[in-house]
Amino acid sequence: MERQRRTCGTYPAAVGGLMARRPGRTQLPPRPRKTAPDLFPTLQDFINNGGHIDLGQIDPIECAAIASDESSMYVALQRRDGETLIDLLTRLDVSLAHCLDHDEFIDEINAPSIR
């Protein structure tokens, strides 16, 4: 049995998966896009002042986000199941702000040292 491809909506002018604009609808002005300083103010400021952000696979971690500078690693986060990239970066931004404000470190990657 062959499946038939259905398009969204009932307006008959769907072409290539896009719907034609219905006549008479007013067009809304485009929403301004948020920029990095708007979304991640702490990360932007940190990078502007010489900090580093690393994002990606660090074996055996599938996806990590790390904020560091020349002398210290402030935050090392491991991406959680189902967490989007934006969610991870937001968590990194909030965590970094906390660490810088309270002179603390957050490390979800390295095992705690035993003394």
PDB file of N, CA and C in Angstrom:
ATOM      1  N   MET A   1       0.845  -1.164   0.000  1.00  0.00           N
ATOM      2  CA  MET A   1       0.000   0.000   0.000  1.00  0.00           C
ATOM      3  C   MET A   1       0.899   1.239   0.000  1.00  0.00           C
ATOM      4  N   GLU A   2       0.675   2.130  -0.928  1.00  0.00           N
ATOM      5  CA  GLU A   2       1.489   3.325  -1.064  1.00  0.00           C
ATOM      6  C   GLU A   2       0.857   4.472  -0.277  1.00  0.00           C
ATOM      7  N   ARG A   3       1.689   5.165   0.465  1.00  0.00           N
ATOM      8  CA  ARG A   3       1.199   6.301   1.247  1.00  0.00           C
ATOM      9  C   ARG A   3       1.128   7.529   0.362  1.00  0.00           C
ATOM     10  N   GLN A   4       0.104   8.316   0.555  1.00  0.00           N
ATOM     11  CA  GLN A   4      -0.024   9.562  -0.173  1.00  0.00           C
ATOM     12  C   GLN A   4       0.511  10.693   0.684  1.00  0.00           C
ATOM     13  N   ARG A   5       1.252  11.575   0.049  1.00  0.00           N
ATOM     14  CA  ARG A   5       1.813  12.715   0.755  1.00  0.00           C
ATOM     15  C   ARG A   5       0.729  13.761   0.943  1.00  0.00           C
ATOM     16  N   ARG A   6       0.586  14.228   2.172  1.00  0.00           N
ATOM     17  CA  ARG A   6      -0.417  15.232   2.478  1.00  0.00           C
ATOM     18  C   ARG A   6       0.277  16.544   2.794  1.00  0.00           C
ATOM     19  N   THR A   7      -0.311  17.629   2.402  1.00  0.00           N
ATOM     20  CA  THR A   7       0.223  18.936   2.759  1.00  0.00           C
ATOM     21  C   THR A   7      -0.558  19.470   3.936  1.00  0.00           C
ATOM     22  N   CYS A   8       0.046  20.370   4.657  1.00  0.00           N
ATOM     23  CA  CYS A   8      -0.614  20.971   5.810  1.00  0.00           C
ATOM     24  C   CYS A   8      -1.699  21.926   5.342  1.00  0.00           C
ATOM     25  N   GLY A   9      -2.751  22.010   6.098  1.00  0.00           N
ATOM     26  CA  GLY A   9      -3.817  22.959   5.799  1.00  0.00           C
ATOM     27  C   GLY A   9      -4.713  22.488   4.673  1.00  0.00           C
ATOM     28  N   THR A  10      -5.699  23.300   4.366  1.00  0.00           N
ATOM     29  CA  THR A  10      -6.647  22.934   3.323  1.00  0.00           C
ATOM     30  C   THR A  10      -6.588  23.878   2.143  1.00  0.00           C
ATOM     31  N   TYR A  11      -5.742  24.891   2.222  1.00  0.00           N
ATOM     32  CA  TYR A  11      -5.619  25.834   1.114  1.00  0.00           C
ATOM     33  C   TYR A  11      -4.979  25.114  -0.063  1.00  0.00           C
ATOM     34  N   PRO A  12      -5.576  25.134  -1.245  1.00  0.00           N
ATOM     35  CA  PRO A  12      -5.138  24.284  -2.337  1.00  0.00           C
ATOM     36  C   PRO A  12      -3.859  24.709  -3.043  1.00  0.00           C
ATOM     37  N   ALA A  13      -3.273  25.851  -2.737  1.00  0.00           N
ATOM     38  CA  ALA A  13      -2.131  26.330  -3.501  1.00  0.00           C
ATOM     39  C   ALA A  13      -0.795  25.958  -2.880  1.00  0.00           C
ATOM     40  N   ALA A  14      -0.702  24.800  -2.236  1.00  0.00           N
ATOM     41  CA  ALA A  14       0.568  24.386  -1.657  1.00  0.00           C
ATOM     42  C   ALA A  14       1.514  23.971  -2.772  1.00  0.00           C
ATOM     43  N   VAL A  15       2.702  24.553  -2.774  1.00  0.00           N
ATOM     44  CA  VAL A  15       3.700  24.240  -3.785  1.00  0.00           C
ATOM     45  C   VAL A  15       5.005  23.941  -3.085  1.00  0.00           C
ATOM     46  N   GLY A  16       5.579  22.780  -3.346  1.00  0.00           N
ATOM     47  CA  GLY A  16       6.871  22.451  -2.761  1.00  0.00           C
ATOM     48  C   GLY A  16       6.873  22.498  -1.249  1.00  0.00           C
ATOM     49  N   GLY A  17       5.761  22.180  -0.607  1.00  0.00           N
ATOM     50  CA  GLY A  17       5.692  22.185   0.841  1.00  0.00           C
ATOM     51  C   GLY A  17       5.409  23.549   1.432  1.00  0.00           C
ATOM     52  N   LEU A  18       5.362  24.600   0.606  1.00  0.00           N
ATOM     53  CA  LEU A  18       5.081  25.946   1.100  1.00  0.00           C
ATOM     54  C   LEU A  18       3.650  26.313   0.758  1.00  0.00           C
ATOM     55  N   MET A  19       3.030  27.015   1.633  1.00  0.00           N
ATOM     56  CA  MET A  19       1.653  27.432   1.408  1.00  0.00           C
ATOM     57  C   MET A  19       1.651  28.834   0.808  1.00  0.00           C
ATOM     58  N   ALA A  20       0.776  29.042  -0.162  1.00  0.00           N
ATOM     59  CA  ALA A  20       0.624  30.371  -0.729  1.00  0.00           C
ATOM     60  C   ALA A  20      -0.064  31.257   0.299  1.00  0.00           C
ATOM     61  N   ARG A  21       0.255  32.525   0.278  1.00  0.00           N
ATOM     62  CA  ARG A  21      -0.371  33.470   1.192  1.00  0.00           C
ATOM     63  C   ARG A  21      -1.818  33.685   0.803  1.00  0.00           C
ATOM     64  N   ARG A  22      -2.676  33.643   1.775  1.00  0.00           N
ATOM     65  CA  ARG A  22      -4.092  33.849   1.502  1.00  0.00           C
ATOM     66  C   ARG A  22      -4.337  35.312   1.146  1.00  0.00           C
ATOM     67  N   PRO A  23      -5.148  35.556   0.148  1.00  0.00           N
ATOM     68  CA  PRO A  23      -5.424  36.934  -0.232  1.00  0.00           C
ATOM     69  C   PRO A  23      -6.114  37.691   0.896  1.00  0.00           C
ATOM     70  N   GLY A  24      -5.779  38.956   1.023  1.00  0.00           N
ATOM     71  CA  GLY A  24      -6.442  39.804   1.999  1.00  0.00           C
ATOM     72  C   GLY A  24      -5.834  39.766   3.391  1.00  0.00           C
ATOM     73  N   ARG A  25      -4.886  38.871   3.659  1.00  0.00           N
ATOM     74  CA  ARG A  25      -4.251  38.837   4.983  1.00  0.00           C
ATOM     75  C   ARG A  25      -3.207  39.935   5.065  1.00  0.00           C
ATOM     76  N   THR A  26      -3.175  40.606   6.172  1.00  0.00           N
ATOM     77  CA  THR A  26      -2.141  41.616   6.351  1.00  0.00           C
ATOM     78  C   THR A  26      -0.845  40.939   6.742  1.00  0.00           C
ATOM     79  N   GLN A  27       0.221  41.480   6.266  1.00  0.00           N
ATOM     80  CA  GLN A  27       1.526  40.917   6.579  1.00  0.00           C
ATOM     81  C   GLN A  27       2.094  41.618   7.813  1.00  0.00           C
ATOM     82  N   LEU A  28       2.469  40.835   8.786  1.00  0.00           N
ATOM     83  CA  LEU A  28       3.044  41.385  10.008  1.00  0.00           C
ATOM     84  C   LEU A  28       4.487  41.781   9.756  1.00  0.00           C
ATOM     85  N   PRO A  29       4.961  42.819  10.424  1.00  0.00           N
ATOM     86  CA  PRO A  29       6.370  43.174  10.275  1.00  0.00           C
ATOM     87  C   PRO A  29       7.238  42.068  10.867  1.00  0.00           C
ATOM     88  N   PRO A  30       8.425  41.845  10.292  1.00  0.00           N
ATOM     89  CA  PRO A  30       9.280  40.784  10.827  1.00  0.00           C
ATOM     90  C   PRO A  30       9.701  41.091  12.254  1.00  0.00           C
ATOM     91  N   ARG A  31       9.765  40.025  13.074  1.00  0.00           N
ATOM     92  CA  ARG A  31      10.237  40.199  14.446  1.00  0.00           C
ATOM     93  C   ARG A  31      11.749  40.405  14.422  1.00  0.00           C
ATOM     94  N   PRO A  32      12.232  41.320  15.229  1.00  0.00           N
ATOM     95  CA  PRO A  32      13.684  41.496  15.273  1.00  0.00           C
ATOM     96  C   PRO A  32      14.342  40.248  15.835  1.00  0.00           C
ATOM     97  N   ARG A  33      15.434  39.851  15.213  1.00  0.00           N
ATOM     98  CA  ARG A  33      16.155  38.674  15.691  1.00  0.00           C
ATOM     99  C   ARG A  33      17.002  39.046  16.887  1.00  0.00           C
ATOM    100  N   LYS A  34      17.051  38.116  17.824  1.00  0.00           N
ATOM    101  CA  LYS A  34      17.901  38.348  18.989  1.00  0.00           C
ATOM    102  C   LYS A  34      19.342  38.035  18.595  1.00  0.00           C
ATOM    103  N   THR A  35      20.249  38.831  19.096  1.00  0.00           N
ATOM    104  CA  THR A  35      21.663  38.616  18.822  1.00  0.00           C
ATOM    105  C   THR A  35      22.307  37.947  20.030  1.00  0.00           C
ATOM    106  N   ALA A  36      23.539  37.526  19.880  1.00  0.00           N
ATOM    107  CA  ALA A  36      24.250  36.836  20.962  1.00  0.00           C
ATOM    108  C   ALA A  36      24.244  37.627  22.267  1.00  0.00           C
ATOM    109  N   PRO A  37      24.492  38.961  22.246  1.00  0.00           N
ATOM    110  CA  PRO A  37      24.447  39.684  23.520  1.00  0.00           C
ATOM    111  C   PRO A  37      23.075  39.639  24.182  1.00  0.00           C
ATOM    112  N   ASP A  38      22.012  39.557  23.377  1.00  0.00           N
ATOM    113  CA  ASP A  38      20.666  39.466  23.947  1.00  0.00           C
ATOM    114  C   ASP A  38      20.407  38.088  24.542  1.00  0.00           C
ATOM    115  N   LEU A  39      20.832  37.041  23.843  1.00  0.00           N
ATOM    116  CA  LEU A  39      20.574  35.675  24.284  1.00  0.00           C
ATOM    117  C   LEU A  39      21.538  35.216  25.371  1.00  0.00           C
ATOM    118  N   PHE A  40      22.807  35.540  25.206  1.00  0.00           N
ATOM    119  CA  PHE A  40      23.856  35.042  26.100  1.00  0.00           C
ATOM    120  C   PHE A  40      24.783  36.182  26.532  1.00  0.00           C
ATOM    121  N   PRO A  41      24.287  37.099  27.350  1.00  0.00           N
ATOM    122  CA  PRO A  41      25.089  38.279  27.685  1.00  0.00           C
ATOM    123  C   PRO A  41      26.383  37.955  28.421  1.00  0.00           C
ATOM    124  N   THR A  42      26.348  36.984  29.305  1.00  0.00           N
ATOM    125  CA  THR A  42      27.561  36.646  30.057  1.00  0.00           C
ATOM    126  C   THR A  42      28.602  36.017  29.139  1.00  0.00           C
ATOM    127  N   LEU A  43      28.172  35.117  28.262  1.00  0.00           N
ATOM    128  CA  LEU A  43      29.106  34.486  27.320  1.00  0.00           C
ATOM    129  C   LEU A  43      29.730  35.533  26.401  1.00  0.00           C
ATOM    130  N   GLN A  44      28.908  36.462  25.897  1.00  0.00           N
ATOM    131  CA  GLN A  44      29.429  37.494  25.003  1.00  0.00           C
ATOM    132  C   GLN A  44      30.468  38.355  25.707  1.00  0.00           C
ATOM    133  N   ASP A  45      30.175  38.782  26.921  1.00  0.00           N
ATOM    134  CA  ASP A  45      31.113  39.600  27.683  1.00  0.00           C
ATOM    135  C   ASP A  45      32.392  38.827  28.007  1.00  0.00           C
ATOM    136  N   PHE A  46      32.229  37.559  28.357  1.00  0.00           N
ATOM    137  CA  PHE A  46      33.366  36.696  28.681  1.00  0.00           C
ATOM    138  C   PHE A  46      34.302  36.558  27.476  1.00  0.00           C
ATOM    139  N   ILE A  47      33.737  36.313  26.298  1.00  0.00           N
ATOM    140  CA  ILE A  47      34.541  36.176  25.078  1.00  0.00           C
ATOM    141  C   ILE A  47      35.192  37.510  24.719  1.00  0.00           C
ATOM    142  N   ASN A  48      34.449  38.607  24.845  1.00  0.00           N
ATOM    143  CA  ASN A  48      34.996  39.933  24.536  1.00  0.00           C
ATOM    144  C   ASN A  48      36.185  40.289  25.414  1.00  0.00           C
ATOM    145  N   ASN A  49      36.257  39.674  26.592  1.00  0.00           N
ATOM    146  CA  ASN A  49      37.341  39.965  27.527  1.00  0.00           C
ATOM    147  C   ASN A  49      38.381  38.849  27.589  1.00  0.00           C
ATOM    148  N   GLY A  50      38.491  38.055  26.531  1.00  0.00           N
ATOM    149  CA  GLY A  50      39.568  37.068  26.429  1.00  0.00           C
ATOM    150  C   GLY A  50      39.212  35.662  26.864  1.00  0.00           C
ATOM    151  N   GLY A  51      37.964  35.409  27.228  1.00  0.00           N
ATOM    152  CA  GLY A  51      37.573  34.061  27.623  1.00  0.00           C
ATOM    153  C   GLY A  51      37.365  33.162  26.418  1.00  0.00           C
ATOM    154  N   HIS A  52      37.302  31.861  26.671  1.00  0.00           N
ATOM    155  CA  HIS A  52      37.132  30.861  25.619  1.00  0.00           C
ATOM    156  C   HIS A  52      35.897  30.010  25.909  1.00  0.00           C
ATOM    157  N   ILE A  53      35.175  29.687  24.855  1.00  0.00           N
ATOM    158  CA  ILE A  53      34.049  28.771  24.952  1.00  0.00           C
ATOM    159  C   ILE A  53      34.336  27.612  24.011  1.00  0.00           C
ATOM    160  N   ASP A  54      34.311  26.405  24.528  1.00  0.00           N
ATOM    161  CA  ASP A  54      34.485  25.199  23.712  1.00  0.00           C
ATOM    162  C   ASP A  54      33.189  24.420  23.751  1.00  0.00           C
ATOM    163  N   LEU A  55      32.777  23.934  22.595  1.00  0.00           N
ATOM    164  CA  LEU A  55      31.515  23.229  22.472  1.00  0.00           C
ATOM    165  C   LEU A  55      31.705  22.057  21.520  1.00  0.00           C
ATOM    166  N   GLY A  56      31.337  20.863  21.973  1.00  0.00           N
ATOM    167  CA  GLY A  56      31.429  19.707  21.094  1.00  0.00           C
ATOM    168  C   GLY A  56      31.823  18.453  21.837  1.00  0.00           C
ATOM    169  N   GLN A  57      32.265  17.462  21.061  1.00  0.00           N
ATOM    170  CA  GLN A  57      32.611  16.163  21.629  1.00  0.00           C
ATOM    171  C   GLN A  57      34.000  16.214  22.255  1.00  0.00           C
ATOM    172  N   ILE A  58      34.069  15.705  23.464  1.00  0.00           N
ATOM    173  CA  ILE A  58      35.335  15.532  24.168  1.00  0.00           C
ATOM    174  C   ILE A  58      35.283  14.113  24.713  1.00  0.00           C
ATOM    175  N   ASP A  59      35.941  13.193  24.009  1.00  0.00           N
ATOM    176  CA  ASP A  59      35.831  11.770  24.368  1.00  0.00           C
ATOM    177  C   ASP A  59      36.038  11.552  25.848  1.00  0.00           C
ATOM    178  N   PRO A  60      35.208  10.788  26.472  1.00  0.00           N
ATOM    179  CA  PRO A  60      34.075  10.016  25.967  1.00  0.00           C
ATOM    180  C   PRO A  60      32.757  10.785  26.025  1.00  0.00           C
ATOM    181  N   ILE A  61      32.793  12.088  26.307  1.00  0.00           N
ATOM    182  CA  ILE A  61      31.580  12.902  26.409  1.00  0.00           C
ATOM    183  C   ILE A  61      31.084  13.217  24.994  1.00  0.00           C
ATOM    184  N   GLU A  62      29.810  12.930  24.747  1.00  0.00           N
ATOM    185  CA  GLU A  62      29.240  13.153  23.420  1.00  0.00           C
ATOM    186  C   GLU A  62      29.139  14.633  23.076  1.00  0.00           C
ATOM    187  N   CYS A  63      28.751  15.452  24.058  1.00  0.00           N
ATOM    188  CA  CYS A  63      28.660  16.892  23.820  1.00  0.00           C
ATOM    189  C   CYS A  63      28.890  17.624  25.138  1.00  0.00           C
ATOM    190  N   ALA A  64      29.844  18.528  25.119  1.00  0.00           N
ATOM    191  CA  ALA A  64      30.184  19.303  26.316  1.00  0.00           C
ATOM    192  C   ALA A  64      30.249  20.779  25.956  1.00  0.00           C
ATOM    193  N   ALA A  65      30.073  21.618  26.967  1.00  0.00           N
ATOM    194  CA  ALA A  65      30.226  23.065  26.825  1.00  0.00           C
ATOM    195  C   ALA A  65      31.133  23.532  27.955  1.00  0.00           C
ATOM    196  N   ILE A  66      32.231  24.193  27.590  1.00  0.00           N
ATOM    197  CA  ILE A  66      33.237  24.581  28.579  1.00  0.00           C
ATOM    198  C   ILE A  66      33.550  26.062  28.433  1.00  0.00           C
ATOM    199  N   ALA A  67      33.610  26.752  29.557  1.00  0.00           N
ATOM    200  CA  ALA A  67      34.004  28.157  29.598  1.00  0.00           C
ATOM    201  C   ALA A  67      35.283  28.256  30.407  1.00  0.00           C
ATOM    202  N   SER A  68      36.334  28.798  29.782  1.00  0.00           N
ATOM    203  CA  SER A  68      37.631  28.907  30.466  1.00  0.00           C
ATOM    204  C   SER A  68      38.365  30.148  29.976  1.00  0.00           C
ATOM    205  N   ASP A  69      39.424  30.495  30.696  1.00  0.00           N
ATOM    206  CA  ASP A  69      40.336  31.532  30.228  1.00  0.00           C
ATOM    207  C   ASP A  69      41.747  30.968  30.317  1.00  0.00           C
ATOM    208  N   GLU A  70      42.749  31.812  30.218  1.00  0.00           N
ATOM    209  CA  GLU A  70      44.141  31.339  30.219  1.00  0.00           C
ATOM    210  C   GLU A  70      44.505  30.542  31.465  1.00  0.00           C
ATOM    211  N   SER A  71      43.899  30.884  32.588  1.00  0.00           N
ATOM    212  CA  SER A  71      44.338  30.282  33.842  1.00  0.00           C
ATOM    213  C   SER A  71      43.336  29.353  34.504  1.00  0.00           C
ATOM    214  N   SER A  72      42.052  29.436  34.155  1.00  0.00           N
ATOM    215  CA  SER A  72      41.045  28.665  34.883  1.00  0.00           C
ATOM    216  C   SER A  72      39.943  28.138  33.979  1.00  0.00           C
ATOM    217  N   MET A  73      39.399  26.988  34.377  1.00  0.00           N
ATOM    218  CA  MET A  73      38.172  26.490  33.777  1.00  0.00           C
ATOM    219  C   MET A  73      37.063  26.818  34.772  1.00  0.00           C
ATOM    220  N   TYR A  74      36.100  27.608  34.341  1.00  0.00           N
ATOM    221  CA  TYR A  74      35.030  28.043  35.235  1.00  0.00           C
ATOM    222  C   TYR A  74      33.842  27.093  35.208  1.00  0.00           C
ATOM    223  N   VAL A  75      33.449  26.671  33.992  1.00  0.00           N
ATOM    224  CA  VAL A  75      32.266  25.824  33.845  1.00  0.00           C
ATOM    225  C   VAL A  75      32.556  24.729  32.830  1.00  0.00           C
ATOM    226  N   ALA A  76      32.185  23.497  33.182  1.00  0.00           N
ATOM    227  CA  ALA A  76      32.253  22.360  32.263  1.00  0.00           C
ATOM    228  C   ALA A  76      30.933  21.606  32.389  1.00  0.00           C
ATOM    229  N   LEU A  77      30.105  21.711  31.364  1.00  0.00           N
ATOM    230  CA  LEU A  77      28.783  21.100  31.388  1.00  0.00           C
ATOM    231  C   LEU A  77      28.695  19.960  30.388  1.00  0.00           C
ATOM    232  N   GLN A  78      27.939  18.956  30.750  1.00  0.00           N
ATOM    233  CA  GLN A  78      27.664  17.844  29.859  1.00  0.00           C
ATOM    234  C   GLN A  78      26.233  17.997  29.359  1.00  0.00           C
ATOM    235  N   ARG A  79      26.041  17.859  28.042  1.00  0.00           N
ATOM    236  CA  ARG A  79      24.699  17.996  27.471  1.00  0.00           C
ATOM    237  C   ARG A  79      23.807  16.875  27.980  1.00  0.00           C
ATOM    238  N   ARG A  80      22.633  17.244  28.456  1.00  0.00           N
ATOM    239  CA  ARG A  80      21.681  16.290  29.013  1.00  0.00           C
ATOM    240  C   ARG A  80      20.822  15.669  27.908  1.00  0.00           C
ATOM    241  N   ASP A  81      20.248  14.514  28.194  1.00  0.00           N
ATOM    242  CA  ASP A  81      19.354  13.861  27.243  1.00  0.00           C
ATOM    243  C   ASP A  81      18.207  14.803  26.897  1.00  0.00           C
ATOM    244  N   GLY A  82      17.972  15.000  25.617  1.00  0.00           N
ATOM    245  CA  GLY A  82      16.878  15.844  25.164  1.00  0.00           C
ATOM    246  C   GLY A  82      17.155  17.334  25.236  1.00  0.00           C
ATOM    247  N   GLU A  83      18.310  17.735  25.714  1.00  0.00           N
ATOM    248  CA  GLU A  83      18.634  19.153  25.841  1.00  0.00           C
ATOM    249  C   GLU A  83      19.027  19.710  24.475  1.00  0.00           C
ATOM    250  N   THR A  84      18.421  20.819  24.084  1.00  0.00           N
ATOM    251  CA  THR A  84      18.769  21.449  22.814  1.00  0.00           C
ATOM    252  C   THR A  84      20.079  22.219  22.965  1.00  0.00           C
ATOM    253  N   LEU A  85      20.655  22.571  21.845  1.00  0.00           N
ATOM    254  CA  LEU A  85      21.886  23.351  21.876  1.00  0.00           C
ATOM    255  C   LEU A  85      21.643  24.710  22.535  1.00  0.00           C
ATOM    256  N   ILE A  86      20.515  25.328  22.234  1.00  0.00           N
ATOM    257  CA  ILE A  86      20.180  26.616  22.860  1.00  0.00           C
ATOM    258  C   ILE A  86      20.030  26.454  24.366  1.00  0.00           C
ATOM    259  N   ASP A  87      19.399  25.353  24.800  1.00  0.00           N
ATOM    260  CA  ASP A  87      19.255  25.096  26.239  1.00  0.00           C
ATOM    261  C   ASP A  87      20.624  24.939  26.895  1.00  0.00           C
ATOM    262  N   LEU A  88      21.524  24.212  26.237  1.00  0.00           N
ATOM    263  CA  LEU A  88      22.874  24.011  26.775  1.00  0.00           C
ATOM    264  C   LEU A  88      23.617  25.342  26.875  1.00  0.00           C
ATOM    265  N   LEU A  89      23.543  26.157  25.840  1.00  0.00           N
ATOM    266  CA  LEU A  89      24.217  27.453  25.870  1.00  0.00           C
ATOM    267  C   LEU A  89      23.604  28.388  26.911  1.00  0.00           C
ATOM    268  N   THR A  90      22.292  28.313  27.086  1.00  0.00           N
ATOM    269  CA  THR A  90      21.641  29.112  28.122  1.00  0.00           C
ATOM    270  C   THR A  90      22.114  28.679  29.499  1.00  0.00           C
ATOM    271  N   ARG A  91      22.204  27.369  29.694  1.00  0.00           N
ATOM    272  CA  ARG A  91      22.679  26.850  30.979  1.00  0.00           C
ATOM    273  C   ARG A  91      24.134  27.250  31.213  1.00  0.00           C
ATOM    274  N   LEU A  92      24.944  27.246  30.144  1.00  0.00           N
ATOM    275  CA  LEU A  92      26.344  27.681  30.254  1.00  0.00           C
ATOM    276  C   LEU A  92      26.412  29.156  30.623  1.00  0.00           C
ATOM    277  N   ASP A  93      25.587  29.983  30.000  1.00  0.00           N
ATOM    278  CA  ASP A  93      25.566  31.415  30.285  1.00  0.00           C
ATOM    279  C   ASP A  93      25.198  31.682  31.741  1.00  0.00           C
ATOM    280  N   VAL A  94      24.145  31.044  32.225  1.00  0.00           N
ATOM    281  CA  VAL A  94      23.692  31.232  33.608  1.00  0.00           C
ATOM    282  C   VAL A  94      24.727  30.691  34.597  1.00  0.00           C
ATOM    283  N   SER A  95      25.293  29.530  34.293  1.00  0.00           N
ATOM    284  CA  SER A  95      26.303  28.929  35.175  1.00  0.00           C
ATOM    285  C   SER A  95      27.554  29.787  35.252  1.00  0.00           C
ATOM    286  N   LEU A  96      27.981  30.319  34.106  1.00  0.00           N
ATOM    287  CA  LEU A  96      29.173  31.167  34.090  1.00  0.00           C
ATOM    288  C   LEU A  96      28.939  32.444  34.896  1.00  0.00           C
ATOM    289  N   ALA A  97      27.766  33.036  34.765  1.00  0.00           N
ATOM    290  CA  ALA A  97      27.449  34.235  35.550  1.00  0.00           C
ATOM    291  C   ALA A  97      27.536  33.923  37.045  1.00  0.00           C
ATOM    292  N   HIS A  98      26.990  32.778  37.452  1.00  0.00           N
ATOM    293  CA  HIS A  98      27.047  32.369  38.856  1.00  0.00           C
ATOM    294  C   HIS A  98      28.501  32.192  39.310  1.00  0.00           C
ATOM    295  N   CYS A  99      29.292  31.508  38.504  1.00  0.00           N
ATOM    296  CA  CYS A  99      30.695  31.247  38.877  1.00  0.00           C
ATOM    297  C   CYS A  99      31.501  32.533  38.998  1.00  0.00           C
ATOM    298  N   LEU A 100      31.313  33.442  38.073  1.00  0.00           N
ATOM    299  CA  LEU A 100      32.059  34.695  38.119  1.00  0.00           C
ATOM    300  C   LEU A 100      31.616  35.565  39.294  1.00  0.00           C
ATOM    301  N   ASP A 101      30.334  35.549  39.608  1.00  0.00           N
ATOM    302  CA  ASP A 101      29.816  36.351  40.720  1.00  0.00           C
ATOM    303  C   ASP A 101      30.198  35.793  42.086  1.00  0.00           C
ATOM    304  N   HIS A 102      30.338  34.474  42.194  1.00  0.00           N
ATOM    305  CA  HIS A 102      30.569  33.838  43.495  1.00  0.00           C
ATOM    306  C   HIS A 102      31.944  33.179  43.626  1.00  0.00           C
ATOM    307  N   ASP A 103      32.817  33.399  42.647  1.00  0.00           N
ATOM    308  CA  ASP A 103      34.164  32.823  42.669  1.00  0.00           C
ATOM    309  C   ASP A 103      34.109  31.308  42.903  1.00  0.00           C
ATOM    310  N   GLU A 104      33.271  30.636  42.123  1.00  0.00           N
ATOM    311  CA  GLU A 104      33.101  29.186  42.211  1.00  0.00           C
ATOM    312  C   GLU A 104      33.350  28.558  40.851  1.00  0.00           C
ATOM    313  N   PHE A 105      33.395  27.231  40.819  1.00  0.00           N
ATOM    314  CA  PHE A 105      33.552  26.463  39.590  1.00  0.00           C
ATOM    315  C   PHE A 105      32.435  25.435  39.517  1.00  0.00           C
ATOM    316  N   ILE A 106      31.990  25.125  38.312  1.00  0.00           N
ATOM    317  CA  ILE A 106      31.007  24.070  38.095  1.00  0.00           C
ATOM    318  C   ILE A 106      31.621  23.079  37.114  1.00  0.00           C
ATOM    319  N   ASP A 107      31.665  21.817  37.510  1.00  0.00           N
ATOM    320  CA  ASP A 107      32.273  20.791  36.665  1.00  0.00           C
ATOM    321  C   ASP A 107      31.407  19.534  36.661  1.00  0.00           C
ATOM    322  N   GLU A 108      30.700  19.292  35.559  1.00  0.00           N
ATOM    323  CA  GLU A 108      29.884  18.102  35.406  1.00  0.00           C
ATOM    324  C   GLU A 108      30.627  16.987  34.658  1.00  0.00           C
ATOM    325  N   ILE A 109      31.879  17.240  34.273  1.00  0.00           N
ATOM    326  CA  ILE A 109      32.590  16.297  33.418  1.00  0.00           C
ATOM    327  C   ILE A 109      33.650  15.501  34.153  1.00  0.00           C
ATOM    328  N   ASN A 110      34.506  16.177  34.865  1.00  0.00           N
ATOM    329  CA  ASN A 110      35.617  15.516  35.549  1.00  0.00           C
ATOM    330  C   ASN A 110      35.174  14.943  36.887  1.00  0.00           C
ATOM    331  N   ALA A 111      35.723  13.770  37.190  1.00  0.00           N
ATOM    332  CA  ALA A 111      35.415  13.144  38.483  1.00  0.00           C
ATOM    333  C   ALA A 111      36.013  13.976  39.604  1.00  0.00           C
ATOM    334  N   PRO A 112      35.312  14.100  40.727  1.00  0.00           N
ATOM    335  CA  PRO A 112      35.869  14.866  41.840  1.00  0.00           C
ATOM    336  C   PRO A 112      37.135  14.194  42.367  1.00  0.00           C
ATOM    337  N   SER A 113      38.090  15.006  42.746  1.00  0.00           N
ATOM    338  CA  SER A 113      39.331  14.437  43.280  1.00  0.00           C
ATOM    339  C   SER A 113      39.127  13.968  44.708  1.00  0.00           C
ATOM    340  N   ILE A 114      39.763  12.882  45.057  1.00  0.00           N
ATOM    341  CA  ILE A 114      39.685  12.335  46.416  1.00  0.00           C
ATOM    342  C   ILE A 114      40.914  12.772  47.168  1.00  0.00           C
ATOM    343  N   ARG A 115      40.718  13.382  48.321  1.00  0.00           N
ATOM    344  CA  ARG A 115      41.867  13.868  49.112  1.00  0.00           C
ATOM    345  C   ARG A 115      42.039  13.040  50.356  1.00  0.00           C
TER     346      ARG A 115
END
